N, C-alpha and C. Protein backbone atom coordinates (compact mmCIF):
# COMPACT_ATOMS: atom_id res chain seq x y z
N UNK A 1 69.96 -5.47 16.44
CA UNK A 1 71.13 -6.54 16.67
C UNK A 1 69.98 -6.60 17.39
N UNK A 2 69.22 -5.84 18.84
CA UNK A 2 68.02 -6.14 20.30
C UNK A 2 66.70 -7.20 19.56
N UNK A 3 66.12 -7.06 17.88
CA UNK A 3 65.01 -7.69 17.45
C UNK A 3 65.50 -9.53 16.79
N UNK A 4 66.94 -9.40 16.67
CA UNK A 4 67.58 -10.32 16.44
C UNK A 4 67.01 -11.18 17.35
N UNK A 5 67.75 -10.96 18.50
CA UNK A 5 68.36 -11.91 19.43
C UNK A 5 66.60 -12.60 20.01
N UNK A 6 65.77 -11.02 20.22
CA UNK A 6 64.55 -11.32 21.15
C UNK A 6 63.31 -12.66 20.09
N UNK A 7 64.52 -12.07 18.42
CA UNK A 7 63.29 -13.12 17.66
C UNK A 7 64.45 -14.47 18.21
N UNK A 8 65.65 -15.21 18.34
CA UNK A 8 66.33 -16.12 19.02
C UNK A 8 65.68 -16.66 20.24
N UNK A 9 65.03 -15.73 20.83
CA UNK A 9 64.17 -16.91 22.58
C UNK A 9 63.35 -16.78 22.10
N UNK A 10 62.25 -16.02 21.25
CA UNK A 10 60.94 -16.99 20.48
C UNK A 10 61.06 -18.08 19.92
N UNK A 11 61.65 -18.34 19.37
CA UNK A 11 62.64 -20.00 18.06
C UNK A 11 62.54 -20.95 19.39
N UNK A 12 63.82 -20.21 20.53
CA UNK A 12 64.02 -20.81 21.39
C UNK A 12 62.69 -21.28 21.79
N UNK A 13 61.87 -20.76 22.51
CA UNK A 13 61.08 -20.91 23.21
C UNK A 13 60.10 -21.62 22.45
N UNK A 14 59.28 -21.50 21.49
CA UNK A 14 58.98 -23.08 20.32
C UNK A 14 60.03 -24.03 20.69
N UNK A 15 61.12 -24.27 20.36
CA UNK A 15 61.59 -25.88 20.28
C UNK A 15 61.59 -26.11 21.58
N UNK A 16 61.42 -25.41 22.40
CA UNK A 16 60.67 -25.54 23.79
C UNK A 16 59.79 -26.46 24.35
N UNK A 17 58.51 -25.40 23.68
CA UNK A 17 57.21 -25.80 23.72
C UNK A 17 57.21 -27.57 22.93
N UNK A 18 57.72 -27.21 22.31
CA UNK A 18 57.46 -28.45 21.29
C UNK A 18 58.09 -30.04 20.79
N UNK A 19 58.63 -29.47 21.82
CA UNK A 19 60.33 -30.83 22.75
C UNK A 19 58.69 -31.49 24.20
N UNK A 20 58.53 -30.88 23.73
CA UNK A 20 57.16 -30.77 25.85
C UNK A 20 56.21 -31.80 24.93
N UNK A 21 56.16 -30.93 24.40
CA UNK A 21 54.63 -31.67 23.42
C UNK A 21 54.71 -33.15 23.00
N UNK A 22 56.12 -33.57 21.89
CA UNK A 22 56.56 -34.01 21.89
C UNK A 22 57.05 -35.24 22.29
N UNK A 23 56.85 -34.76 23.97
CA UNK A 23 57.98 -35.78 24.97
C UNK A 23 55.98 -36.59 25.74
N UNK A 24 54.79 -35.03 25.83
CA UNK A 24 54.09 -36.22 26.14
C UNK A 24 53.75 -37.08 25.46
N UNK A 25 53.12 -37.25 23.76
CA UNK A 25 53.03 -37.69 22.75
C UNK A 25 52.99 -39.23 22.80
N UNK A 26 55.12 -38.81 23.32
CA UNK A 26 55.38 -40.39 23.24
C UNK A 26 55.34 -41.15 24.49
N UNK A 27 55.56 -40.78 25.35
CA UNK A 27 54.67 -41.27 26.84
C UNK A 27 53.45 -41.74 26.91
N UNK A 28 52.21 -41.05 26.22
CA UNK A 28 50.55 -42.10 26.19
C UNK A 28 50.91 -42.79 25.62
N UNK A 29 52.16 -42.63 24.19
CA UNK A 29 52.03 -44.28 23.03
C UNK A 29 53.08 -44.27 24.19
N UNK A 30 53.61 -45.16 24.07
CA UNK A 30 54.84 -46.24 25.11
C UNK A 30 53.14 -46.32 26.59
N UNK A 31 52.66 -46.11 26.89
CA UNK A 31 51.61 -46.21 27.84
C UNK A 31 50.55 -47.42 27.37
N UNK A 32 50.44 -46.63 25.66
CA UNK A 32 49.19 -47.38 25.30
C UNK A 32 49.66 -48.97 24.62
N UNK A 33 50.96 -48.72 24.11
CA UNK A 33 51.38 -49.48 23.52
C UNK A 33 52.34 -50.80 24.77
N UNK A 34 52.81 -50.63 25.77
CA UNK A 34 52.79 -51.13 27.46
C UNK A 34 51.61 -51.68 27.58
N UNK A 35 50.10 -50.91 27.52
CA UNK A 35 49.22 -51.45 27.88
C UNK A 35 48.75 -53.12 26.47
N UNK A 36 48.29 -52.62 25.42
CA UNK A 36 48.09 -53.67 24.41
C UNK A 36 49.35 -54.81 24.49
N UNK A 37 50.71 -55.20 25.20
CA UNK A 37 51.18 -55.50 25.34
C UNK A 37 50.33 -56.72 26.53
N UNK A 38 49.84 -56.30 27.60
CA UNK A 38 49.40 -56.69 28.63
C UNK A 38 48.72 -57.50 28.72
N UNK A 39 47.73 -56.35 27.95
CA UNK A 39 47.05 -57.39 27.18
C UNK A 39 47.04 -58.60 26.99
N UNK A 40 47.23 -58.39 25.41
CA UNK A 40 47.47 -59.56 24.71
C UNK A 40 48.30 -60.86 25.58
N UNK A 41 48.93 -60.61 26.35
CA UNK A 41 49.85 -61.63 27.23
C UNK A 41 48.23 -62.27 28.26
N UNK A 42 47.78 -61.21 28.35
CA UNK A 42 46.60 -61.61 29.57
C UNK A 42 45.59 -62.53 28.66
N UNK A 43 45.53 -62.50 27.84
CA UNK A 43 44.93 -62.22 26.48
C UNK A 43 44.78 -64.20 26.10
N UNK A 44 46.58 -64.43 26.61
CA UNK A 44 46.77 -65.65 25.85
C UNK A 44 47.35 -66.42 27.33
N UNK A 45 47.60 -65.83 28.11
CA UNK A 45 47.70 -66.57 29.41
C UNK A 45 45.56 -67.18 29.15
N UNK A 46 45.11 -66.60 29.55
CA UNK A 46 43.82 -67.06 29.54
C UNK A 46 43.50 -68.62 29.23
N UNK A 47 43.96 -69.00 27.74
CA UNK A 47 43.37 -69.75 26.78
C UNK A 47 44.11 -70.24 27.15
N UNK A 48 45.13 -70.74 27.74
CA UNK A 48 45.43 -72.27 28.66
C UNK A 48 44.91 -72.49 29.50
N UNK A 49 44.79 -74.21 29.66
CA UNK A 49 44.22 -75.03 30.85
C UNK A 49 44.70 -75.44 31.71
N UNK A 50 44.93 -75.04 32.68
CA UNK A 50 44.07 -74.94 34.56
C UNK A 50 46.45 -75.64 34.17
N UNK A 51 46.38 -76.86 33.63
CA UNK A 51 47.48 -77.87 33.71
C UNK A 51 48.81 -77.02 33.31
N UNK A 52 48.27 -76.33 31.79
CA UNK A 52 49.32 -75.37 30.98
C UNK A 52 49.65 -74.38 32.25
N UNK A 53 48.82 -73.96 32.43
CA UNK A 53 49.72 -72.50 33.40
C UNK A 53 50.26 -73.40 34.77
N UNK A 54 49.73 -74.13 35.45
CA UNK A 54 49.87 -74.83 36.18
C UNK A 54 51.75 -75.97 36.00
N UNK A 55 52.13 -76.44 34.54
CA UNK A 55 52.77 -76.52 34.20
C UNK A 55 54.55 -75.27 34.63
N UNK A 56 53.50 -74.26 34.12
CA UNK A 56 55.13 -72.72 33.64
C UNK A 56 54.72 -72.13 35.35
N UNK A 57 54.01 -72.90 36.36
CA UNK A 57 53.89 -72.15 37.60
C UNK A 57 53.19 -71.07 37.89
N UNK A 58 52.41 -71.13 37.50
CA UNK A 58 51.28 -69.40 37.70
C UNK A 58 49.82 -70.52 37.94
N UNK A 59 49.29 -69.83 38.78
CA UNK A 59 48.26 -69.72 38.82
C UNK A 59 46.87 -68.76 38.37
N UNK A 60 45.51 -69.40 38.50
CA UNK A 60 44.74 -68.45 37.08
C UNK A 60 44.90 -67.09 38.08
N UNK A 61 44.78 -66.62 38.75
CA UNK A 61 44.80 -65.46 39.98
C UNK A 61 46.07 -64.91 39.47
N UNK A 62 47.17 -64.39 39.82
CA UNK A 62 48.20 -63.72 39.29
C UNK A 62 48.67 -63.88 37.54
N UNK A 63 47.40 -64.09 36.72
CA UNK A 63 47.63 -64.04 35.22
C UNK A 63 48.20 -62.47 35.85
N UNK A 64 46.97 -61.94 35.41
CA UNK A 64 47.81 -60.42 35.63
C UNK A 64 47.99 -59.79 36.12
N UNK A 65 48.85 -60.43 37.39
CA UNK A 65 50.67 -59.94 38.39
C UNK A 65 51.31 -60.29 37.02
N UNK A 66 51.72 -61.59 36.67
CA UNK A 66 52.59 -62.25 35.80
C UNK A 66 52.32 -61.25 34.77
N UNK A 67 51.24 -61.00 34.13
CA UNK A 67 51.41 -60.64 32.49
C UNK A 67 51.40 -58.43 32.80
N UNK A 68 51.44 -58.06 33.87
CA UNK A 68 52.13 -56.30 33.90
C UNK A 68 53.61 -56.76 34.65
N UNK A 69 54.19 -58.09 35.01
CA UNK A 69 55.58 -57.84 35.48
C UNK A 69 55.51 -57.14 36.74
N UNK A 70 54.75 -57.62 37.80
CA UNK A 70 54.56 -56.91 39.65
C UNK A 70 54.13 -58.41 39.93
N UNK A 71 54.54 -59.30 39.70
CA UNK A 71 54.23 -60.91 40.47
C UNK A 71 55.16 -60.66 41.27
N UNK A 72 55.40 -61.17 42.85
CA UNK A 72 56.33 -61.05 43.71
C UNK A 72 56.26 -63.08 44.13
N UNK A 73 57.41 -63.48 43.72
CA UNK A 73 57.34 -64.62 44.71
C UNK A 73 57.86 -64.55 46.22
């Protein structure tokens, strides 16, 4: 009985460790996806003319902050 309980404790430890590793992987994956989206937005906005940017209410200096969602009005 004691051996069986010990095995369950070890199994619980393995599950907990696996979940922590999985969470780290998912966080990295989310960060890379977000960075890719921001870079794509920056590239697309950089292809616009100054007039097109002005029509959107964006200046060239605001592109990065707008793409990152950190621009404050």
